């Protein structure tokens, strides 16, 4: 059995992926027309904000002895709601919100006494710990950027 990564290593990895993602959206991602399924680059940013915040809310709730943060619907529904709520905002506004959301999550995770507590509950009922969420977010962000880059070069 492998030893779980220390909190600072989890946060450093997530921070690296977020910095790379922001650099992509400050550069080629700013003007790309690439799509991954039905999602354009801007749409990806919109749901990143929600899921970063929901993870921070869950970590804070768990730290206070509260329940895991419930995600009210499946990911496609949540992503579409995010897209509609943010569709009027500029790319720069979205990037600013994303930076703020990331800072909130890093503070919440950094001050958490136990990232192995369940803190997040998907609409299916599946529970995830803070550690699992941080690992998933880093992987998910990197995958989305790779998919967008691949879609951009395919055209």
N, C-alpha and C. Protein backbone atom coordinates (compact mmCIF):
# COMPACT_ATOMS: atom_id res chain seq x y z
N UNK A 1 0.85 -1.18 0.00
CA UNK A 1 0.00 0.00 0.00
C UNK A 1 0.89 1.24 0.00
N UNK A 2 0.55 2.19 -0.87
CA UNK A 2 1.36 3.40 -0.95
C UNK A 2 0.90 4.40 0.11
N UNK A 3 1.84 5.20 0.54
CA UNK A 3 1.54 6.25 1.51
C UNK A 3 0.92 7.42 0.78
N UNK A 4 -0.18 7.98 1.29
CA UNK A 4 -0.79 9.13 0.63
C UNK A 4 0.17 10.31 0.60
N UNK A 5 0.07 11.09 -0.44
CA UNK A 5 0.92 12.28 -0.57
C UNK A 5 0.61 13.26 0.55
N UNK A 6 1.66 13.90 1.09
CA UNK A 6 1.41 14.91 2.11
C UNK A 6 0.59 16.06 1.54
N UNK A 7 -0.07 16.77 2.43
CA UNK A 7 -0.94 17.87 2.03
C UNK A 7 -0.19 18.88 1.16
N UNK A 8 1.04 19.25 1.54
CA UNK A 8 1.76 20.26 0.77
C UNK A 8 2.07 19.77 -0.64
N UNK A 9 2.30 18.47 -0.82
CA UNK A 9 2.56 17.92 -2.15
C UNK A 9 1.28 17.94 -3.00
N UNK A 10 0.14 17.61 -2.38
CA UNK A 10 -1.15 17.68 -3.09
C UNK A 10 -1.42 19.10 -3.56
N UNK A 11 -1.23 20.06 -2.67
CA UNK A 11 -1.49 21.46 -3.00
C UNK A 11 -0.50 21.98 -4.03
N UNK A 12 0.75 21.57 -3.94
CA UNK A 12 1.76 22.01 -4.92
C UNK A 12 1.42 21.47 -6.30
N UNK A 13 0.97 20.22 -6.38
CA UNK A 13 0.58 19.65 -7.66
C UNK A 13 -0.63 20.37 -8.24
N UNK A 14 -1.65 20.59 -7.43
CA UNK A 14 -2.83 21.31 -7.91
C UNK A 14 -2.45 22.71 -8.35
N UNK A 15 -1.63 23.39 -7.58
CA UNK A 15 -1.22 24.74 -7.92
C UNK A 15 -0.47 24.77 -9.25
N UNK A 16 0.39 23.79 -9.48
CA UNK A 16 1.14 23.71 -10.74
C UNK A 16 0.17 23.55 -11.92
N UNK A 17 -0.79 22.65 -11.78
CA UNK A 17 -1.76 22.42 -12.85
C UNK A 17 -2.60 23.68 -13.08
N UNK A 18 -3.01 24.34 -12.01
CA UNK A 18 -3.81 25.56 -12.16
C UNK A 18 -2.98 26.64 -12.87
N UNK A 19 -1.72 26.81 -12.48
CA UNK A 19 -0.86 27.82 -13.14
C UNK A 19 -0.72 27.50 -14.63
N UNK A 20 -0.52 26.23 -14.97
CA UNK A 20 -0.40 25.83 -16.38
C UNK A 20 -1.71 26.09 -17.13
N UNK A 21 -2.83 25.82 -16.48
CA UNK A 21 -4.13 26.05 -17.09
C UNK A 21 -4.36 27.54 -17.33
N UNK A 22 -4.07 28.35 -16.32
CA UNK A 22 -4.23 29.80 -16.48
C UNK A 22 -3.32 30.34 -17.58
N UNK A 23 -2.10 29.81 -17.68
CA UNK A 23 -1.19 30.23 -18.75
C UNK A 23 -1.77 29.87 -20.12
N UNK A 24 -2.38 28.69 -20.21
CA UNK A 24 -3.01 28.29 -21.48
C UNK A 24 -4.13 29.28 -21.83
N UNK A 25 -4.97 29.63 -20.86
CA UNK A 25 -6.09 30.52 -21.15
C UNK A 25 -5.65 31.98 -21.31
N UNK A 26 -4.49 32.32 -20.81
CA UNK A 26 -3.93 33.65 -21.06
C UNK A 26 -3.25 33.68 -22.43
N UNK A 27 -2.95 32.52 -22.99
CA UNK A 27 -2.28 32.41 -24.29
C UNK A 27 -3.21 31.85 -25.34
N UNK A 28 -2.88 30.65 -25.88
CA UNK A 28 -3.64 30.09 -27.00
C UNK A 28 -5.10 29.77 -26.65
N UNK A 29 -5.39 29.47 -25.41
CA UNK A 29 -6.77 29.17 -25.01
C UNK A 29 -7.69 30.37 -25.06
N UNK A 30 -7.10 31.57 -25.08
CA UNK A 30 -7.89 32.80 -25.10
C UNK A 30 -8.70 32.91 -26.39
N UNK A 31 -8.14 32.46 -27.51
CA UNK A 31 -8.79 32.65 -28.80
C UNK A 31 -9.23 31.35 -29.47
N UNK A 32 -8.97 30.22 -28.84
CA UNK A 32 -9.28 28.96 -29.49
C UNK A 32 -10.79 28.79 -29.71
N UNK A 33 -11.10 28.17 -30.81
CA UNK A 33 -12.50 27.81 -31.11
C UNK A 33 -12.69 26.30 -30.90
N UNK A 34 -11.67 25.65 -30.33
CA UNK A 34 -11.72 24.21 -30.12
C UNK A 34 -12.88 23.84 -29.20
N UNK A 35 -13.40 22.65 -29.44
CA UNK A 35 -14.49 22.12 -28.62
C UNK A 35 -14.09 20.72 -28.16
N UNK A 36 -14.54 20.40 -26.96
CA UNK A 36 -14.44 19.03 -26.45
C UNK A 36 -15.88 18.65 -26.16
N UNK A 37 -16.38 17.72 -26.95
CA UNK A 37 -17.81 17.41 -26.95
C UNK A 37 -18.56 18.70 -27.28
N UNK A 38 -19.42 19.16 -26.38
CA UNK A 38 -20.15 20.40 -26.68
C UNK A 38 -19.55 21.60 -25.97
N UNK A 39 -18.45 21.41 -25.25
CA UNK A 39 -17.87 22.46 -24.42
C UNK A 39 -16.74 23.19 -25.13
N UNK A 40 -16.85 24.51 -25.19
CA UNK A 40 -15.76 25.34 -25.68
C UNK A 40 -14.85 25.69 -24.49
N UNK A 41 -13.72 26.30 -24.78
CA UNK A 41 -12.76 26.64 -23.73
C UNK A 41 -13.40 27.48 -22.63
N UNK A 42 -14.18 28.48 -22.99
CA UNK A 42 -14.83 29.33 -21.99
C UNK A 42 -15.74 28.51 -21.08
N UNK A 43 -16.44 27.55 -21.66
CA UNK A 43 -17.35 26.71 -20.87
C UNK A 43 -16.58 25.92 -19.82
N UNK A 44 -15.39 25.47 -20.18
CA UNK A 44 -14.55 24.72 -19.25
C UNK A 44 -14.20 25.61 -18.05
N UNK A 45 -13.80 26.84 -18.32
CA UNK A 45 -13.48 27.76 -17.23
C UNK A 45 -14.66 27.95 -16.28
N UNK A 46 -15.84 28.04 -16.85
CA UNK A 46 -17.03 28.30 -16.05
C UNK A 46 -17.29 27.19 -15.04
N UNK A 47 -17.11 25.96 -15.44
CA UNK A 47 -17.37 24.89 -14.48
C UNK A 47 -16.20 24.68 -13.53
N UNK A 48 -14.99 25.06 -13.92
CA UNK A 48 -13.85 24.99 -13.00
C UNK A 48 -14.14 25.83 -11.75
N UNK A 49 -14.72 27.00 -11.96
CA UNK A 49 -15.01 27.90 -10.83
C UNK A 49 -15.92 27.20 -9.82
N UNK A 50 -17.02 26.64 -10.31
CA UNK A 50 -17.97 25.99 -9.40
C UNK A 50 -17.33 24.82 -8.64
N UNK A 51 -16.66 23.93 -9.35
CA UNK A 51 -16.16 22.73 -8.69
C UNK A 51 -14.99 23.04 -7.74
N UNK A 52 -14.23 24.08 -8.02
CA UNK A 52 -13.20 24.52 -7.08
C UNK A 52 -13.87 25.04 -5.81
N UNK A 53 -14.87 25.91 -5.99
CA UNK A 53 -15.57 26.45 -4.82
C UNK A 53 -16.29 25.36 -4.04
N UNK A 54 -16.97 24.46 -4.72
CA UNK A 54 -17.70 23.39 -4.02
C UNK A 54 -16.74 22.53 -3.20
N UNK A 55 -15.55 22.30 -3.72
CA UNK A 55 -14.56 21.53 -2.96
C UNK A 55 -14.12 22.30 -1.73
N UNK A 56 -13.86 23.59 -1.89
CA UNK A 56 -13.48 24.42 -0.73
C UNK A 56 -14.60 24.45 0.30
N UNK A 57 -15.84 24.60 -0.15
CA UNK A 57 -16.98 24.60 0.77
C UNK A 57 -17.05 23.28 1.53
N UNK A 58 -16.84 22.18 0.82
CA UNK A 58 -16.88 20.87 1.46
C UNK A 58 -15.77 20.68 2.48
N UNK A 59 -14.57 21.12 2.13
CA UNK A 59 -13.45 20.99 3.07
C UNK A 59 -13.72 21.83 4.31
N UNK A 60 -14.26 23.03 4.13
CA UNK A 60 -14.59 23.87 5.28
C UNK A 60 -15.70 23.23 6.12
N UNK A 61 -16.72 22.70 5.47
CA UNK A 61 -17.81 22.05 6.20
C UNK A 61 -17.30 20.88 7.02
N UNK A 62 -16.47 20.03 6.40
CA UNK A 62 -15.91 18.87 7.12
C UNK A 62 -15.08 19.34 8.30
N UNK A 63 -14.32 20.42 8.11
CA UNK A 63 -13.49 20.94 9.19
C UNK A 63 -14.29 21.47 10.36
N UNK A 64 -15.50 21.90 10.09
CA UNK A 64 -16.39 22.40 11.15
C UNK A 64 -17.25 21.29 11.74
N UNK A 65 -17.05 20.06 11.27
CA UNK A 65 -17.85 18.94 11.74
C UNK A 65 -19.18 18.82 11.02
N UNK A 66 -19.32 19.56 9.91
CA UNK A 66 -20.55 19.55 9.14
C UNK A 66 -20.57 18.43 8.12
N UNK A 67 -21.63 18.39 7.34
CA UNK A 67 -21.80 17.31 6.36
C UNK A 67 -20.95 17.56 5.11
N UNK A 68 -20.76 16.52 4.32
CA UNK A 68 -20.11 16.70 3.02
C UNK A 68 -20.95 17.66 2.17
N UNK A 69 -20.28 18.44 1.33
CA UNK A 69 -20.98 19.40 0.48
C UNK A 69 -21.69 18.65 -0.63
N UNK A 70 -23.00 18.82 -0.76
CA UNK A 70 -23.74 18.07 -1.79
C UNK A 70 -23.72 18.78 -3.15
N UNK A 71 -23.42 18.03 -4.18
CA UNK A 71 -23.55 18.54 -5.54
C UNK A 71 -24.97 18.18 -5.96
N UNK A 72 -25.76 19.17 -6.35
CA UNK A 72 -27.20 18.95 -6.52
C UNK A 72 -27.64 18.18 -7.76
N UNK A 73 -26.72 17.96 -8.71
CA UNK A 73 -27.12 17.30 -9.95
C UNK A 73 -25.90 16.62 -10.56
N UNK A 74 -26.11 15.91 -11.66
CA UNK A 74 -24.99 15.29 -12.36
C UNK A 74 -24.10 16.38 -12.96
N UNK A 75 -22.88 16.00 -13.31
CA UNK A 75 -21.88 16.97 -13.79
C UNK A 75 -22.34 17.72 -15.03
N UNK A 76 -22.97 17.06 -15.97
CA UNK A 76 -23.41 17.76 -17.18
C UNK A 76 -24.42 18.86 -16.86
N UNK A 77 -25.34 18.57 -15.93
CA UNK A 77 -26.33 19.58 -15.54
C UNK A 77 -25.66 20.74 -14.82
N UNK A 78 -24.77 20.43 -13.87
CA UNK A 78 -24.06 21.48 -13.15
C UNK A 78 -23.24 22.32 -14.12
N UNK A 79 -22.55 21.67 -15.05
CA UNK A 79 -21.74 22.40 -16.02
C UNK A 79 -22.59 23.32 -16.89
N UNK A 80 -23.77 22.86 -17.29
CA UNK A 80 -24.65 23.70 -18.10
C UNK A 80 -25.19 24.88 -17.30
N UNK A 81 -25.53 24.65 -16.05
CA UNK A 81 -25.98 25.75 -15.18
C UNK A 81 -24.86 26.79 -15.05
N UNK A 82 -23.64 26.31 -14.82
CA UNK A 82 -22.49 27.23 -14.72
C UNK A 82 -22.32 28.03 -16.00
N UNK A 83 -22.44 27.36 -17.13
CA UNK A 83 -22.29 28.04 -18.42
C UNK A 83 -23.33 29.14 -18.57
N UNK A 84 -24.55 28.85 -18.22
CA UNK A 84 -25.61 29.86 -18.36
C UNK A 84 -25.43 31.03 -17.39
N UNK A 85 -24.99 30.72 -16.18
CA UNK A 85 -24.80 31.79 -15.19
C UNK A 85 -23.64 32.71 -15.54
N UNK A 86 -22.63 32.17 -16.20
CA UNK A 86 -21.42 32.95 -16.49
C UNK A 86 -21.30 33.40 -17.95
N UNK A 87 -22.27 33.08 -18.81
CA UNK A 87 -22.10 33.31 -20.24
C UNK A 87 -21.92 34.78 -20.61
N UNK A 88 -22.38 35.69 -19.79
CA UNK A 88 -22.26 37.13 -20.09
C UNK A 88 -20.92 37.71 -19.64
N UNK A 89 -20.11 36.93 -18.95
CA UNK A 89 -18.85 37.42 -18.40
C UNK A 89 -17.71 37.26 -19.39
N UNK A 90 -16.79 38.21 -19.36
CA UNK A 90 -15.64 38.16 -20.26
C UNK A 90 -14.66 37.08 -19.80
N UNK A 91 -13.77 36.73 -20.70
CA UNK A 91 -12.74 35.76 -20.35
C UNK A 91 -11.90 36.28 -19.19
N UNK A 92 -11.58 37.56 -19.20
CA UNK A 92 -10.79 38.12 -18.10
C UNK A 92 -11.54 38.05 -16.77
N UNK A 93 -12.84 38.28 -16.80
CA UNK A 93 -13.64 38.15 -15.56
C UNK A 93 -13.63 36.71 -15.07
N UNK A 94 -13.77 35.77 -15.99
CA UNK A 94 -13.75 34.36 -15.61
C UNK A 94 -12.40 33.97 -15.01
N UNK A 95 -11.32 34.43 -15.63
CA UNK A 95 -9.98 34.12 -15.11
C UNK A 95 -9.76 34.72 -13.73
N UNK A 96 -10.27 35.93 -13.52
CA UNK A 96 -10.16 36.56 -12.19
C UNK A 96 -10.91 35.74 -11.15
N UNK A 97 -12.12 35.33 -11.48
CA UNK A 97 -12.91 34.50 -10.56
C UNK A 97 -12.23 33.17 -10.29
N UNK A 98 -11.63 32.62 -11.31
CA UNK A 98 -10.95 31.33 -11.15
C UNK A 98 -9.73 31.47 -10.23
N UNK A 99 -9.00 32.55 -10.39
CA UNK A 99 -7.86 32.79 -9.50
C UNK A 99 -8.34 32.94 -8.04
N UNK A 100 -9.43 33.66 -7.85
CA UNK A 100 -9.98 33.83 -6.50
C UNK A 100 -10.47 32.50 -5.94
N UNK A 101 -11.12 31.72 -6.76
CA UNK A 101 -11.62 30.41 -6.34
C UNK A 101 -10.47 29.50 -5.96
N UNK A 102 -9.41 29.53 -6.74
CA UNK A 102 -8.24 28.69 -6.44
C UNK A 102 -7.61 29.13 -5.11
N UNK A 103 -7.51 30.43 -4.90
CA UNK A 103 -6.94 30.93 -3.64
C UNK A 103 -7.79 30.47 -2.45
N UNK A 104 -9.12 30.51 -2.60
CA UNK A 104 -10.00 30.03 -1.52
C UNK A 104 -9.77 28.56 -1.24
N UNK A 105 -9.67 27.76 -2.30
CA UNK A 105 -9.48 26.33 -2.11
C UNK A 105 -8.13 26.03 -1.45
N UNK A 106 -7.09 26.69 -1.89
CA UNK A 106 -5.77 26.47 -1.30
C UNK A 106 -5.78 26.84 0.18
N UNK A 107 -6.42 27.95 0.53
CA UNK A 107 -6.51 28.33 1.95
C UNK A 107 -7.31 27.30 2.74
N UNK A 108 -8.44 26.87 2.19
CA UNK A 108 -9.28 25.89 2.90
C UNK A 108 -8.53 24.58 3.09
N UNK A 109 -7.91 24.08 2.04
CA UNK A 109 -7.19 22.80 2.13
C UNK A 109 -5.95 22.94 3.01
N UNK A 110 -5.27 24.07 2.90
CA UNK A 110 -4.07 24.28 3.69
C UNK A 110 -4.34 24.33 5.18
N UNK A 111 -5.50 24.85 5.56
CA UNK A 111 -5.83 24.95 6.98
C UNK A 111 -6.62 23.75 7.50
N UNK A 112 -6.99 22.83 6.61
CA UNK A 112 -7.77 21.66 7.02
C UNK A 112 -6.93 20.75 7.92
N UNK A 113 -7.54 20.29 9.00
CA UNK A 113 -6.82 19.39 9.90
C UNK A 113 -6.80 17.95 9.38
N UNK A 114 -7.75 17.60 8.50
CA UNK A 114 -7.81 16.23 8.01
C UNK A 114 -8.44 16.20 6.62
N UNK A 115 -7.61 16.04 5.60
CA UNK A 115 -8.12 15.97 4.22
C UNK A 115 -8.67 14.59 3.87
N UNK A 116 -8.63 13.67 4.82
CA UNK A 116 -9.16 12.33 4.56
C UNK A 116 -10.60 12.16 5.05
N UNK A 117 -11.20 13.24 5.52
CA UNK A 117 -12.63 13.21 5.88
C UNK A 117 -13.47 13.38 4.62
N UNK A 118 -14.60 12.69 4.55
CA UNK A 118 -15.51 12.93 3.44
C UNK A 118 -15.96 14.40 3.47
N UNK A 119 -15.88 15.05 2.29
CA UNK A 119 -16.22 16.47 2.26
C UNK A 119 -17.10 16.83 1.08
N UNK A 120 -17.36 15.89 0.21
CA UNK A 120 -18.01 16.19 -1.07
C UNK A 120 -18.91 15.01 -1.40
N UNK A 121 -20.14 15.30 -1.79
CA UNK A 121 -21.07 14.22 -2.14
C UNK A 121 -21.67 14.50 -3.50
N UNK A 122 -21.40 13.59 -4.42
CA UNK A 122 -21.97 13.71 -5.76
C UNK A 122 -23.46 13.40 -5.72
N UNK A 123 -24.15 13.78 -6.77
CA UNK A 123 -25.60 13.55 -6.86
C UNK A 123 -25.93 12.06 -6.78
N UNK A 124 -24.98 11.20 -7.13
CA UNK A 124 -25.17 9.75 -7.06
C UNK A 124 -25.09 9.23 -5.63
N UNK A 125 -24.66 10.09 -4.71
CA UNK A 125 -24.46 9.68 -3.32
C UNK A 125 -23.01 9.36 -3.01
N UNK A 126 -22.17 9.24 -4.04
CA UNK A 126 -20.76 8.93 -3.84
C UNK A 126 -20.09 10.02 -3.00
N UNK A 127 -19.35 9.59 -1.98
CA UNK A 127 -18.62 10.50 -1.11
C UNK A 127 -17.16 10.57 -1.55
N UNK A 128 -16.57 11.74 -1.41
CA UNK A 128 -15.15 11.91 -1.71
C UNK A 128 -14.51 12.70 -0.57
N UNK A 129 -13.26 12.38 -0.30
CA UNK A 129 -12.51 13.11 0.73
C UNK A 129 -11.86 14.36 0.10
N UNK A 130 -11.35 15.22 0.95
CA UNK A 130 -10.63 16.39 0.46
C UNK A 130 -9.43 15.97 -0.39
N UNK A 131 -8.72 14.97 0.07
CA UNK A 131 -7.56 14.46 -0.68
C UNK A 131 -7.99 13.99 -2.07
N UNK A 132 -9.05 13.21 -2.13
CA UNK A 132 -9.53 12.71 -3.42
C UNK A 132 -9.96 13.85 -4.34
N UNK A 133 -10.60 14.85 -3.78
CA UNK A 133 -11.04 16.00 -4.58
C UNK A 133 -9.84 16.76 -5.14
N UNK A 134 -8.81 17.00 -4.32
CA UNK A 134 -7.64 17.74 -4.80
C UNK A 134 -6.94 16.97 -5.92
N UNK A 135 -6.83 15.65 -5.76
CA UNK A 135 -6.22 14.82 -6.80
C UNK A 135 -7.05 14.84 -8.07
N UNK A 136 -8.37 14.72 -7.92
CA UNK A 136 -9.27 14.72 -9.07
C UNK A 136 -9.24 16.05 -9.80
N UNK A 137 -9.28 17.15 -9.06
CA UNK A 137 -9.26 18.47 -9.70
C UNK A 137 -8.01 18.66 -10.54
N UNK A 138 -6.86 18.30 -10.01
CA UNK A 138 -5.60 18.45 -10.75
C UNK A 138 -5.65 17.62 -12.04
N UNK A 139 -6.09 16.39 -11.92
CA UNK A 139 -6.18 15.50 -13.08
C UNK A 139 -7.19 16.03 -14.10
N UNK A 140 -8.34 16.47 -13.61
CA UNK A 140 -9.43 16.93 -14.46
C UNK A 140 -9.03 18.19 -15.24
N UNK A 141 -8.42 19.13 -14.56
CA UNK A 141 -7.99 20.36 -15.23
C UNK A 141 -6.98 20.04 -16.32
N UNK A 142 -5.99 19.23 -16.00
CA UNK A 142 -4.94 18.88 -16.97
C UNK A 142 -5.57 18.17 -18.18
N UNK A 143 -6.50 17.26 -17.92
CA UNK A 143 -7.15 16.53 -19.02
C UNK A 143 -7.92 17.48 -19.92
N UNK A 144 -8.66 18.42 -19.35
CA UNK A 144 -9.42 19.36 -20.17
C UNK A 144 -8.50 20.20 -21.05
N UNK A 145 -7.42 20.69 -20.50
CA UNK A 145 -6.49 21.50 -21.31
C UNK A 145 -5.88 20.65 -22.42
N UNK A 146 -5.48 19.42 -22.10
CA UNK A 146 -4.92 18.54 -23.13
C UNK A 146 -5.94 18.26 -24.23
N UNK A 147 -7.20 18.05 -23.84
CA UNK A 147 -8.25 17.80 -24.84
C UNK A 147 -8.48 19.02 -25.72
N UNK A 148 -8.49 20.22 -25.12
CA UNK A 148 -8.66 21.44 -25.90
C UNK A 148 -7.48 21.66 -26.85
N UNK A 149 -6.28 21.42 -26.36
CA UNK A 149 -5.10 21.56 -27.22
C UNK A 149 -5.16 20.57 -28.37
N UNK A 150 -5.54 19.34 -28.07
CA UNK A 150 -5.65 18.33 -29.12
C UNK A 150 -6.72 18.68 -30.14
N UNK A 151 -7.85 19.18 -29.67
CA UNK A 151 -8.94 19.56 -30.58
C UNK A 151 -8.52 20.74 -31.46
N UNK A 152 -7.72 21.65 -30.91
CA UNK A 152 -7.27 22.82 -31.68
C UNK A 152 -6.31 22.41 -32.79
N UNK A 153 -5.46 21.42 -32.53
CA UNK A 153 -4.50 21.00 -33.55
C UNK A 153 -5.14 20.07 -34.57
N UNK A 154 -6.28 19.48 -34.24
CA UNK A 154 -6.96 18.56 -35.16
C UNK A 154 -7.68 19.33 -36.26
N UNK A 155 -7.86 20.64 -36.06
CA UNK A 155 -8.60 21.42 -37.07
C UNK A 155 -7.69 22.22 -37.93
